[in-house]
Amino acid sequence: MHMIFFYLTGVILRWPVPIGTTINAQSCKKVLQDKLRRDIRKKPPGLLESGILFHHDNAPVHTARAVTDVSAGYKWELLEHPRYSPDLAPCYF
């Protein structure tokens, strides 16, 4: 399994989740703090300073307080995900 974060022009972070790792609020928070923020700084230049619009599905791990506190602390704007929309179905890879 991978956690993938992308931008208009491509992938920012593709993190292979180690076998046996449970994706919970704490592990998601750690990826946001330790990996995603670092990689946002690398590409594209100035993205972090221009403001981040962060969109995810409504999975409980993504809406957990520990995770939303990280994005709020970084002043990333969370875009609301509709409860259901066939036009916004999960990415299929």
N, C-alpha and C. Protein backbone atom coordinates (compact mmCIF):
# COMPACT_ATOMS: atom_id res chain seq x y z
N MET A 1 0.85 -1.16 0.00
CA MET A 1 0.00 0.00 0.00
C MET A 1 0.90 1.24 0.00
N HIS A 2 0.41 2.31 -0.59
CA HIS A 2 1.12 3.58 -0.64
C HIS A 2 0.21 4.71 -0.17
N MET A 3 0.81 5.71 0.42
CA MET A 3 0.12 6.98 0.66
C MET A 3 0.66 7.91 -0.42
N ILE A 4 -0.25 8.51 -1.19
CA ILE A 4 0.16 9.34 -2.31
C ILE A 4 -0.46 10.73 -2.16
N PHE A 5 0.39 11.73 -2.29
CA PHE A 5 -0.04 13.13 -2.23
C PHE A 5 0.38 13.77 -3.54
N PHE A 6 -0.56 14.43 -4.20
CA PHE A 6 -0.20 15.02 -5.48
C PHE A 6 -0.71 16.44 -5.61
N TYR A 7 -0.15 17.10 -6.60
CA TYR A 7 -0.40 18.49 -6.92
C TYR A 7 -0.85 18.54 -8.37
N LEU A 8 -1.25 19.68 -8.84
CA LEU A 8 -1.71 19.81 -10.23
C LEU A 8 -0.73 19.24 -11.24
N THR A 9 0.54 19.42 -10.99
CA THR A 9 1.54 19.02 -11.98
C THR A 9 2.17 17.67 -11.72
N GLY A 10 1.76 16.97 -10.68
CA GLY A 10 2.32 15.64 -10.44
C GLY A 10 2.37 15.27 -8.97
N VAL A 11 3.04 14.18 -8.72
CA VAL A 11 3.13 13.61 -7.37
C VAL A 11 4.11 14.42 -6.53
N ILE A 12 3.71 14.73 -5.31
CA ILE A 12 4.60 15.39 -4.35
C ILE A 12 5.27 14.33 -3.49
N LEU A 13 4.48 13.37 -3.00
CA LEU A 13 5.03 12.33 -2.13
C LEU A 13 4.32 11.02 -2.43
N ARG A 14 5.11 9.98 -2.64
CA ARG A 14 4.59 8.61 -2.73
C ARG A 14 5.34 7.84 -1.66
N TRP A 15 4.63 7.49 -0.60
CA TRP A 15 5.26 6.82 0.53
C TRP A 15 4.75 5.39 0.63
N PRO A 16 5.64 4.41 0.43
CA PRO A 16 5.22 3.02 0.59
C PRO A 16 5.04 2.71 2.08
N VAL A 17 3.85 2.31 2.44
CA VAL A 17 3.56 1.98 3.83
C VAL A 17 4.24 0.65 4.15
N PRO A 18 5.11 0.62 5.16
CA PRO A 18 5.78 -0.63 5.49
C PRO A 18 4.78 -1.74 5.83
N ILE A 19 5.10 -2.94 5.40
CA ILE A 19 4.24 -4.10 5.69
C ILE A 19 4.06 -4.21 7.20
N GLY A 20 2.83 -4.42 7.61
CA GLY A 20 2.51 -4.55 9.03
C GLY A 20 2.19 -3.24 9.72
N THR A 21 2.33 -2.13 9.01
CA THR A 21 2.02 -0.82 9.59
C THR A 21 0.52 -0.56 9.52
N THR A 22 -0.05 -0.15 10.62
CA THR A 22 -1.45 0.23 10.66
C THR A 22 -1.56 1.72 10.40
N ILE A 23 -2.39 2.08 9.45
CA ILE A 23 -2.61 3.50 9.18
C ILE A 23 -3.70 3.98 10.14
N ASN A 24 -3.27 4.71 11.15
CA ASN A 24 -4.20 5.30 12.11
C ASN A 24 -3.89 6.79 12.19
N ALA A 25 -4.55 7.49 13.07
CA ALA A 25 -4.37 8.94 13.15
C ALA A 25 -2.92 9.30 13.46
N GLN A 26 -2.27 8.56 14.33
CA GLN A 26 -0.89 8.89 14.70
C GLN A 26 0.08 8.66 13.55
N SER A 27 -0.09 7.57 12.81
CA SER A 27 0.82 7.33 11.68
C SER A 27 0.56 8.32 10.55
N CYS A 28 -0.68 8.68 10.33
CA CYS A 28 -1.01 9.68 9.32
C CYS A 28 -0.43 11.04 9.71
N LYS A 29 -0.56 11.40 10.97
CA LYS A 29 0.00 12.66 11.47
C LYS A 29 1.51 12.69 11.26
N LYS A 30 2.17 11.58 11.53
CA LYS A 30 3.62 11.50 11.37
C LYS A 30 4.04 11.70 9.91
N VAL A 31 3.28 11.11 8.98
CA VAL A 31 3.59 11.28 7.56
C VAL A 31 3.43 12.75 7.16
N LEU A 32 2.36 13.38 7.62
CA LEU A 32 2.14 14.80 7.30
C LEU A 32 3.28 15.67 7.84
N GLN A 33 3.68 15.41 9.07
CA GLN A 33 4.71 16.24 9.71
C GLN A 33 6.11 15.94 9.19
N ASP A 34 6.46 14.67 9.08
CA ASP A 34 7.84 14.28 8.79
C ASP A 34 8.15 14.14 7.31
N LYS A 35 7.16 13.82 6.50
CA LYS A 35 7.44 13.53 5.10
C LYS A 35 6.80 14.53 4.14
N LEU A 36 5.50 14.74 4.27
CA LEU A 36 4.81 15.58 3.30
C LEU A 36 5.29 17.03 3.36
N ARG A 37 5.37 17.60 4.53
CA ARG A 37 5.80 19.00 4.64
C ARG A 37 7.19 19.19 4.06
N ARG A 38 8.09 18.24 4.32
CA ARG A 38 9.46 18.31 3.77
C ARG A 38 9.43 18.27 2.25
N ASP A 39 8.62 17.37 1.69
CA ASP A 39 8.58 17.21 0.23
C ASP A 39 7.86 18.37 -0.46
N ILE A 40 6.90 18.98 0.23
CA ILE A 40 6.24 20.16 -0.34
C ILE A 40 7.26 21.28 -0.53
N ARG A 41 8.21 21.37 0.39
CA ARG A 41 9.25 22.41 0.29
C ARG A 41 10.11 22.22 -0.96
N LYS A 42 10.23 20.99 -1.42
CA LYS A 42 11.11 20.68 -2.56
C LYS A 42 10.48 21.00 -3.91
N LYS A 43 9.17 20.82 -4.04
CA LYS A 43 8.55 21.02 -5.35
C LYS A 43 7.10 21.39 -5.21
N PRO A 44 6.59 22.18 -6.07
CA PRO A 44 7.30 23.17 -6.87
C PRO A 44 7.76 24.30 -5.98
N PRO A 45 8.79 25.04 -6.38
CA PRO A 45 9.31 26.11 -5.53
C PRO A 45 8.22 27.12 -5.15
N GLY A 46 8.19 27.48 -3.87
CA GLY A 46 7.25 28.49 -3.40
C GLY A 46 5.86 27.99 -3.07
N LEU A 47 5.60 26.71 -3.30
CA LEU A 47 4.26 26.16 -3.05
C LEU A 47 3.86 26.33 -1.59
N LEU A 48 4.76 26.02 -0.69
CA LEU A 48 4.43 26.08 0.73
C LEU A 48 4.07 27.51 1.16
N GLU A 49 4.77 28.48 0.62
CA GLU A 49 4.52 29.87 0.98
C GLU A 49 3.24 30.42 0.35
N SER A 50 2.82 29.84 -0.77
CA SER A 50 1.63 30.35 -1.46
C SER A 50 0.33 29.85 -0.86
N GLY A 51 0.41 28.90 0.05
CA GLY A 51 -0.78 28.37 0.70
C GLY A 51 -1.15 27.01 0.15
N ILE A 52 -1.52 26.12 1.02
CA ILE A 52 -1.83 24.74 0.65
C ILE A 52 -3.33 24.53 0.77
N LEU A 53 -3.93 24.00 -0.28
CA LEU A 53 -5.31 23.52 -0.23
C LEU A 53 -5.22 22.01 -0.11
N PHE A 54 -5.76 21.47 0.96
CA PHE A 54 -5.60 20.05 1.28
C PHE A 54 -6.96 19.37 1.14
N HIS A 55 -7.01 18.34 0.33
CA HIS A 55 -8.26 17.61 0.11
C HIS A 55 -8.04 16.13 0.37
N HIS A 56 -8.94 15.53 1.09
CA HIS A 56 -8.89 14.09 1.35
C HIS A 56 -10.32 13.59 1.44
N ASP A 57 -10.45 12.27 1.46
CA ASP A 57 -11.80 11.73 1.63
C ASP A 57 -12.16 11.82 3.12
N ASN A 58 -13.33 11.40 3.46
CA ASN A 58 -13.79 11.52 4.84
C ASN A 58 -13.51 10.29 5.69
N ALA A 59 -12.46 9.57 5.37
CA ALA A 59 -12.09 8.40 6.18
C ALA A 59 -11.82 8.87 7.61
N PRO A 60 -12.20 8.07 8.59
CA PRO A 60 -12.00 8.48 9.99
C PRO A 60 -10.56 8.87 10.32
N VAL A 61 -9.59 8.18 9.74
CA VAL A 61 -8.19 8.53 10.02
C VAL A 61 -7.86 9.93 9.52
N HIS A 62 -8.47 10.36 8.42
CA HIS A 62 -8.20 11.69 7.87
C HIS A 62 -8.90 12.80 8.63
N THR A 63 -10.00 12.48 9.26
CA THR A 63 -10.77 13.50 9.98
C THR A 63 -10.50 13.48 11.49
N ALA A 64 -9.59 12.62 11.92
CA ALA A 64 -9.25 12.55 13.34
C ALA A 64 -8.62 13.86 13.80
N ARG A 65 -8.85 14.20 15.02
CA ARG A 65 -8.37 15.48 15.56
C ARG A 65 -6.86 15.63 15.43
N ALA A 66 -6.12 14.55 15.69
CA ALA A 66 -4.65 14.62 15.60
C ALA A 66 -4.21 15.03 14.20
N VAL A 67 -4.91 14.57 13.18
CA VAL A 67 -4.56 14.88 11.78
C VAL A 67 -5.02 16.29 11.41
N THR A 68 -6.24 16.64 11.77
CA THR A 68 -6.73 17.97 11.41
C THR A 68 -5.98 19.07 12.17
N ASP A 69 -5.49 18.77 13.37
CA ASP A 69 -4.69 19.74 14.11
C ASP A 69 -3.38 20.05 13.39
N VAL A 70 -2.79 19.04 12.75
CA VAL A 70 -1.55 19.25 12.00
C VAL A 70 -1.79 20.21 10.84
N SER A 71 -2.82 19.93 10.05
CA SER A 71 -3.09 20.80 8.90
C SER A 71 -3.48 22.21 9.35
N ALA A 72 -4.21 22.31 10.44
CA ALA A 72 -4.57 23.63 10.96
C ALA A 72 -3.33 24.37 11.47
N GLY A 73 -2.43 23.64 12.12
CA GLY A 73 -1.20 24.25 12.62
C GLY A 73 -0.32 24.78 11.50
N TYR A 74 -0.34 24.11 10.35
CA TYR A 74 0.44 24.56 9.19
C TYR A 74 -0.34 25.57 8.35
N LYS A 75 -1.55 25.87 8.76
CA LYS A 75 -2.44 26.80 8.04
C LYS A 75 -2.79 26.30 6.63
N TRP A 76 -2.90 24.96 6.51
CA TRP A 76 -3.36 24.38 5.26
C TRP A 76 -4.88 24.48 5.26
N GLU A 77 -5.45 24.93 4.17
CA GLU A 77 -6.90 25.04 4.06
C GLU A 77 -7.48 23.69 3.66
N LEU A 78 -8.38 23.16 4.49
CA LEU A 78 -9.01 21.88 4.18
C LEU A 78 -10.22 22.11 3.29
N LEU A 79 -10.25 21.42 2.18
CA LEU A 79 -11.39 21.47 1.28
C LEU A 79 -12.36 20.38 1.68
N GLU A 80 -13.61 20.73 1.85
CA GLU A 80 -14.60 19.73 2.26
C GLU A 80 -14.86 18.75 1.14
N HIS A 81 -15.02 17.51 1.51
CA HIS A 81 -15.34 16.45 0.57
C HIS A 81 -16.83 16.16 0.69
N PRO A 82 -17.55 16.13 -0.42
CA PRO A 82 -18.99 15.84 -0.32
C PRO A 82 -19.21 14.44 0.24
N ARG A 83 -20.33 14.24 0.88
CA ARG A 83 -20.62 12.93 1.46
C ARG A 83 -20.59 11.84 0.40
N TYR A 84 -21.12 12.10 -0.77
CA TYR A 84 -21.06 11.13 -1.87
C TYR A 84 -21.19 11.87 -3.18
N SER A 85 -20.33 11.54 -4.09
CA SER A 85 -20.42 12.11 -5.43
C SER A 85 -19.76 11.15 -6.40
N PRO A 86 -20.51 10.64 -7.37
CA PRO A 86 -19.88 9.74 -8.34
C PRO A 86 -18.81 10.44 -9.16
N ASP A 87 -18.85 11.77 -9.23
CA ASP A 87 -17.82 12.51 -9.96
C ASP A 87 -16.52 12.62 -9.18
N LEU A 88 -16.58 12.44 -7.88
CA LEU A 88 -15.39 12.54 -7.04
C LEU A 88 -15.07 11.20 -6.40
N ALA A 89 -15.20 10.14 -7.16
CA ALA A 89 -14.90 8.81 -6.66
C ALA A 89 -13.40 8.72 -6.35
N PRO A 90 -13.00 7.79 -5.47
CA PRO A 90 -11.58 7.64 -5.16
C PRO A 90 -10.76 7.38 -6.42
N CYS A 91 -9.50 7.76 -6.35
CA CYS A 91 -8.60 7.51 -7.48
C CYS A 91 -8.44 6.00 -7.68
N TYR A 92 -8.45 5.58 -8.91
CA TYR A 92 -8.22 4.18 -9.24
C TYR A 92 -6.89 4.09 -9.96
N PHE A 93 -5.95 3.34 -9.40
CA PHE A 93 -4.63 3.21 -10.00
C PHE A 93 -4.42 1.79 -10.46
